[in-house]
Each structure stands twice: as C-alpha cells, then as structure tokens.
Amino acid sequence: MSRSRTGARRLAVQALYQWQLAGQAADEIEAQFRANPDTRDCDLDYFAELLRGVIGDAAALDASLAPLLARPLEQVDPVERAILRVGAWELRERLEIPYRVVLNEAVELAKRFGAEQGHRFINGVLDRLARTLRPTEQARPAPPA
C-alpha cells in the first residue's frame, strides 16, 4: 500500500473531523490542508477526492452505516465517524482497492486517532458493510501470506 495514500487517508480523517465540528466548506478545508508543508509526502489528489467524495455523499454513506450501528451515528465519536465515512466511501467507490486494505487502513487510523478499543468497532462495522457492498470479493479466501 502506498504511504502517500495512507497519508491522504490520515489527512482526510483530520479534515473531515474539522468539517464535522466546524462545518467549513470543503474548498476552505482543502486549501488549508494543501498549504501545510507537512503534507508533502501525501497524495493530495487522493486526499481531495476522499474529502469531496465523503462530504458530497455524507447522507448516503451515513444511511449505509446506520443499520450497522447500535447507536445513532451522531453519537459515534467524531474521529471514528470520520474514519467510518472514509472507509465506507472507499468500499463503495474504489473497487480497485481490496476491501481488506480498506479495513486495515481504517483500523490503523482508529488505532492512531480513535478511542482505546475504537479499532475493533471500526473493523466490525466496515467488515459488515463490506459483506453488503462487496459480497463476491469478501467470499474469496485471503491470499496466502
């Protein structure tokens, strides 16, 4: 997996967290993150695609996540909500990325930014979503390590 894509996901989660709390426009958030010199090693085009894709389709993403949650999405920690939205968007829109990669990246983000056991929650929700969105891919056995 490309480290620049991993960085793009990290930035997207941070930007979505900001969007969720402050309600800023995607253009403003994107410009702010692009201006940060610490983003040099990130795939900024993919970051922008994630940010705009999730914000533009938040209602549909939330609708796909809601039945998989034991509580309303609004009650999910904002960091974990951002991670779930990024993972859901990638599972739905980026079929060339194996679902296991999407789940692994989301789990790693949750370990880095989420609550202590948040990664288990993220993994469980996105794994169930993958069964719905990618049933044939999920039915295939994992490649040997």
C-alpha atoms as a PDB file:
ATOM      1  CA  MET A   1       0.000   0.000   0.000  1.00  0.00           C
ATOM      2  CA  SER A   2       1.259   3.387  -0.918  1.00  0.00           C
ATOM      3  CA  ARG A   3       2.416   5.502   2.015  1.00  0.00           C
ATOM      4  CA  SER A   4       1.236   8.579   0.148  1.00  0.00           C
ATOM      5  CA  ARG A   5      -2.289   7.083   0.059  1.00  0.00           C
ATOM      6  CA  THR A   6      -2.055   6.260   3.764  1.00  0.00           C
ATOM      7  CA  GLY A   7      -1.117   9.902   4.356  1.00  0.00           C
ATOM      8  CA  ALA A   8      -4.046  11.034   2.217  1.00  0.00           C
ATOM      9  CA  ARG A   9      -6.426   8.993   4.363  1.00  0.00           C
ATOM     10  CA  ARG A  10      -4.906  10.442   7.538  1.00  0.00           C
ATOM     11  CA  LEU A  11      -5.372  13.972   6.214  1.00  0.00           C
ATOM     12  CA  ALA A  12      -8.908  13.189   5.058  1.00  0.00           C
ATOM     13  CA  VAL A  13      -9.878  11.963   8.522  1.00  0.00           C
ATOM     14  CA  GLN A  14      -8.426  15.121  10.085  1.00  0.00           C
ATOM     15  CA  ALA A  15     -10.165  17.329   7.519  1.00  0.00           C
ATOM     16  CA  LEU A  16     -13.480  15.514   7.952  1.00  0.00           C
ATOM     17  CA  TYR A  17     -13.198  15.858  11.708  1.00  0.00           C
ATOM     18  CA  GLN A  18     -12.822  19.613  11.176  1.00  0.00           C
ATOM     19  CA  TRP A  19     -15.770  19.638   8.750  1.00  0.00           C
ATOM     20  CA  GLN A  20     -17.963  17.716  11.191  1.00  0.00           C
ATOM     21  CA  LEU A  21     -17.215  20.070  14.077  1.00  0.00           C
ATOM     22  CA  ALA A  22     -16.914  23.433  12.346  1.00  0.00           C
ATOM     23  CA  GLY A  23     -18.994  22.920   9.210  1.00  0.00           C
ATOM     24  CA  GLN A  24     -16.448  24.662   6.995  1.00  0.00           C
ATOM     25  CA  ALA A  25     -16.742  24.342   3.234  1.00  0.00           C
ATOM     26  CA  ALA A  26     -14.701  21.591   1.573  1.00  0.00           C
ATOM     27  CA  ASP A  27     -12.823  24.183  -0.525  1.00  0.00           C
ATOM     28  CA  GLU A  28     -11.642  26.055   2.577  1.00  0.00           C
ATOM     29  CA  ILE A  29     -10.565  22.896   4.373  1.00  0.00           C
ATOM     30  CA  GLU A  30      -8.768  21.529   1.326  1.00  0.00           C
ATOM     31  CA  ALA A  31      -6.891  24.800   0.781  1.00  0.00           C
ATOM     32  CA  GLN A  32      -5.862  24.894   4.429  1.00  0.00           C
ATOM     33  CA  PHE A  33      -4.506  21.342   4.332  1.00  0.00           C
ATOM     34  CA  ARG A  34      -2.755  21.824   0.975  1.00  0.00           C
ATOM     35  CA  ALA A  35      -0.964  24.882   2.374  1.00  0.00           C
ATOM     36  CA  ASN A  36       0.525  22.836   5.226  1.00  0.00           C
ATOM     37  CA  PRO A  37       4.160  21.893   4.448  1.00  0.00           C
ATOM     38  CA  ASP A  38       3.730  18.616   6.382  1.00  0.00           C
ATOM     39  CA  THR A  39       1.533  17.278   3.568  1.00  0.00           C
ATOM     40  CA  ARG A  40       4.357  16.936   1.029  1.00  0.00           C
ATOM     41  CA  ASP A  41       4.525  13.155   1.318  1.00  0.00           C
ATOM     42  CA  CYS A  42       0.776  12.706   0.876  1.00  0.00           C
ATOM     43  CA  ASP A  43      -1.202  12.014  -2.268  1.00  0.00           C
ATOM     44  CA  LEU A  44      -3.016  15.341  -2.199  1.00  0.00           C
ATOM     45  CA  ASP A  45      -5.190  14.487  -5.186  1.00  0.00           C
ATOM     46  CA  TYR A  46      -6.461  11.395  -3.385  1.00  0.00           C
ATOM     47  CA  PHE A  47      -6.928  13.430  -0.208  1.00  0.00           C
ATOM     48  CA  ALA A  48      -9.102  15.880  -2.159  1.00  0.00           C
ATOM     49  CA  GLU A  49     -11.050  13.018  -3.747  1.00  0.00           C
ATOM     50  CA  LEU A  50     -11.726  11.482  -0.323  1.00  0.00           C
ATOM     51  CA  LEU A  51     -12.659  14.785   1.272  1.00  0.00           C
ATOM     52  CA  ARG A  52     -15.008  15.874  -1.504  1.00  0.00           C
ATOM     53  CA  GLY A  53     -16.412  12.381  -2.008  1.00  0.00           C
ATOM     54  CA  VAL A  54     -17.285  11.894   1.641  1.00  0.00           C
ATOM     55  CA  ILE A  55     -18.696  15.391   2.136  1.00  0.00           C
ATOM     56  CA  GLY A  56     -20.657  15.223  -1.114  1.00  0.00           C
ATOM     57  CA  ASP A  57     -22.153  11.863  -0.285  1.00  0.00           C
ATOM     58  CA  ALA A  58     -22.306  12.002   3.515  1.00  0.00           C
ATOM     59  CA  ALA A  59     -26.063  11.353   3.684  1.00  0.00           C
ATOM     60  CA  ALA A  60     -25.854   8.163   1.595  1.00  0.00           C
ATOM     61  CA  LEU A  61     -22.754   6.969   3.447  1.00  0.00           C
ATOM     62  CA  ASP A  62     -24.445   7.598   6.773  1.00  0.00           C
ATOM     63  CA  ALA A  63     -27.549   5.711   5.592  1.00  0.00           C
ATOM     64  CA  SER A  64     -25.398   2.694   4.705  1.00  0.00           C
ATOM     65  CA  LEU A  65     -23.633   2.794   8.083  1.00  0.00           C
ATOM     66  CA  ALA A  66     -26.664   3.440  10.317  1.00  0.00           C
ATOM     67  CA  PRO A  67     -28.130  -0.110  10.261  1.00  0.00           C
ATOM     68  CA  LEU A  68     -24.744  -1.495  11.328  1.00  0.00           C
ATOM     69  CA  LEU A  69     -24.522   0.623  14.470  1.00  0.00           C
ATOM     70  CA  ALA A  70     -26.014   0.033  17.915  1.00  0.00           C
ATOM     71  CA  ARG A  71     -26.454   3.784  18.389  1.00  0.00           C
ATOM     72  CA  PRO A  72     -27.202   6.764  16.138  1.00  0.00           C
ATOM     73  CA  LEU A  73     -24.226   7.816  14.005  1.00  0.00           C
ATOM     74  CA  GLU A  74     -24.344  11.277  15.593  1.00  0.00           C
ATOM     75  CA  GLN A  75     -23.430   9.629  18.913  1.00  0.00           C
ATOM     76  CA  VAL A  76     -20.329   7.946  17.467  1.00  0.00           C
ATOM     77  CA  ASP A  77     -17.083   9.683  18.386  1.00  0.00           C
ATOM     78  CA  PRO A  78     -16.361  12.298  15.661  1.00  0.00           C
ATOM     79  CA  VAL A  79     -12.950  10.780  14.849  1.00  0.00           C
ATOM     80  CA  GLU A  80     -14.428   7.319  14.477  1.00  0.00           C
ATOM     81  CA  ARG A  81     -17.326   8.736  12.450  1.00  0.00           C
ATOM     82  CA  ALA A  82     -14.829  10.322  10.036  1.00  0.00           C
ATOM     83  CA  ILE A  83     -12.921   7.026   9.750  1.00  0.00           C
ATOM     84  CA  LEU A  84     -16.142   5.098   9.111  1.00  0.00           C
ATOM     85  CA  ARG A  85     -17.162   7.547   6.407  1.00  0.00           C
ATOM     86  CA  VAL A  86     -13.781   7.321   4.651  1.00  0.00           C
ATOM     87  CA  GLY A  87     -13.869   3.521   4.824  1.00  0.00           C
ATOM     88  CA  ALA A  88     -17.462   3.346   3.598  1.00  0.00           C
ATOM     89  CA  TRP A  89     -16.688   5.685   0.702  1.00  0.00           C
ATOM     90  CA  GLU A  90     -13.648   3.652  -0.339  1.00  0.00           C
ATOM     91  CA  LEU A  91     -15.557   0.369  -0.105  1.00  0.00           C
ATOM     92  CA  ARG A  92     -18.285   1.785  -2.332  1.00  0.00           C
ATOM     93  CA  GLU A  93     -16.327   3.935  -4.779  1.00  0.00           C
ATOM     94  CA  ARG A  94     -12.816   2.492  -5.091  1.00  0.00           C
ATOM     95  CA  LEU A  95     -13.431  -1.112  -6.064  1.00  0.00           C
ATOM     96  CA  GLU A  96      -9.832  -1.490  -7.259  1.00  0.00           C
ATOM     97  CA  ILE A  97      -8.700  -1.220  -3.626  1.00  0.00           C
ATOM     98  CA  PRO A  98      -9.165  -4.617  -1.966  1.00  0.00           C
ATOM     99  CA  TYR A  99     -11.645  -4.450   0.898  1.00  0.00           C
ATOM    100  CA  ARG A 100      -9.017  -5.908   3.259  1.00  0.00           C
ATOM    101  CA  VAL A 101      -6.777  -2.919   2.511  1.00  0.00           C
ATOM    102  CA  VAL A 102      -9.644  -0.513   3.194  1.00  0.00           C
ATOM    103  CA  LEU A 103     -10.346  -2.232   6.527  1.00  0.00           C
ATOM    104  CA  ASN A 104      -6.688  -2.371   7.515  1.00  0.00           C
ATOM    105  CA  GLU A 105      -6.133   1.315   6.740  1.00  0.00           C
ATOM    106  CA  ALA A 106      -9.256   2.262   8.728  1.00  0.00           C
ATOM    107  CA  VAL A 107      -8.164   0.125  11.688  1.00  0.00           C
ATOM    108  CA  GLU A 108      -4.717   1.737  11.672  1.00  0.00           C
ATOM    109  CA  LEU A 109      -6.297   5.206  11.643  1.00  0.00           C
ATOM    110  CA  ALA A 110      -8.513   4.221  14.555  1.00  0.00           C
ATOM    111  CA  LYS A 111      -5.506   2.926  16.497  1.00  0.00           C
ATOM    112  CA  ARG A 112      -3.729   6.217  15.876  1.00  0.00           C
ATOM    113  CA  PHE A 113      -6.570   8.684  16.439  1.00  0.00           C
ATOM    114  CA  GLY A 114      -9.531   6.852  17.968  1.00  0.00           C
ATOM    115  CA  ALA A 115     -10.519   5.680  21.414  1.00  0.00           C
ATOM    116  CA  GLU A 116      -8.669   2.800  23.069  1.00  0.00           C
ATOM    117  CA  GLN A 117     -10.783  -0.004  21.574  1.00  0.00           C
ATOM    118  CA  GLY A 118     -12.116   2.050  18.669  1.00  0.00           C
ATOM    119  CA  HIS A 119     -10.233  -0.008  16.113  1.00  0.00           C
ATOM    120  CA  ARG A 120     -12.345  -3.068  16.966  1.00  0.00           C
ATOM    121  CA  PHE A 121     -15.526  -1.068  16.477  1.00  0.00           C
ATOM    122  CA  ILE A 122     -14.291   0.316  13.136  1.00  0.00           C
ATOM    123  CA  ASN A 123     -13.238  -3.136  11.934  1.00  0.00           C
ATOM    124  CA  GLY A 124     -16.569  -4.714  12.870  1.00  0.00           C
ATOM    125  CA  VAL A 125     -18.718  -2.055  11.215  1.00  0.00           C
ATOM    126  CA  LEU A 126     -16.691  -1.864   7.992  1.00  0.00           C
ATOM    127  CA  ASP A 127     -16.411  -5.655   7.775  1.00  0.00           C
ATOM    128  CA  ARG A 128     -20.224  -5.926   7.887  1.00  0.00           C
ATOM    129  CA  LEU A 129     -20.531  -3.140   5.329  1.00  0.00           C
ATOM    130  CA  ALA A 130     -18.090  -4.951   3.024  1.00  0.00           C
ATOM    131  CA  ARG A 131     -20.363  -8.015   3.128  1.00  0.00           C
ATOM    132  CA  THR A 132     -23.113  -5.874   1.665  1.00  0.00           C
ATOM    133  CA  LEU A 133     -21.077  -3.792  -0.787  1.00  0.00           C
ATOM    134  CA  ARG A 134     -18.592  -6.445  -1.918  1.00  0.00           C
ATOM    135  CA  PRO A 135     -20.117  -9.852  -1.301  1.00  0.00           C
ATOM    136  CA  THR A 136     -18.178 -11.698  -4.006  1.00  0.00           C
ATOM    137  CA  GLU A 137     -14.852 -10.187  -3.014  1.00  0.00           C
ATOM    138  CA  GLN A 138     -15.420 -10.982   0.640  1.00  0.00           C
ATOM    139  CA  ALA A 139     -16.375 -14.579  -0.159  1.00  0.00           C
ATOM    140  CA  ARG A 140     -12.964 -15.220  -1.727  1.00  0.00           C
ATOM    141  CA  PRO A 141     -10.302 -16.665   0.563  1.00  0.00           C
ATOM    142  CA  ALA A 142      -7.493 -14.392   1.661  1.00  0.00           C
ATOM    143  CA  PRO A 143      -4.290 -14.695  -0.379  1.00  0.00           C
ATOM    144  CA  PRO A 144      -1.537 -16.667   1.365  1.00  0.00           C
ATOM    145  CA  ALA A 145       0.801 -14.529   3.458  1.00  0.00           C
END
